[in-house]
Amino acid sequence: MAGKGGLERYNEDFGQTLAVWGWEESRYFVMPFIGPYTVRDLLGRSFYGYFHPISYRIREYNDYSPLVIDLITLRAELLPFQQQIDQANDPYVLIRDVYLQNREFEIYDGDPPAPDYDALLEYD
């Protein structure tokens, strides 16, 4: 809708907003049928999910067909990566690392800060 009014479209979510507001990286976990999340992103997406058109359709009309179509589309988008997951020594670690790196990339709009390797060498 904003694009029709001349506003630029941003692909952001509330989890990214919480990160920008200072919520540090939190625990990573995988929920069945929902997928990988951090605590911060789950809370952020839960807030956004309530106002999503698909959840509105489910609440108001008890119609799950848009959700089914959305999940099938998501699975189809992930099929090209299935071979890499199958060949990984530890698929859980692969998916976790890819997810966390992608979220950091999204939070910093494609320009994440370089890691501080010197801090890793310091002894306390």
Foldseek 3Di string as FASTA:
>chain_A
DVVVVVDDDADDWQLLVVVVVPDDFADWDADPPPGIDGPSVVVGVVVVVCVDPQVVCCVPPVDNVVVVVVSVVVVVVCVVCVVVLVPDPHSVVVVVVVVVVVSQCSSVVNDHDDDDVVVVVDDD
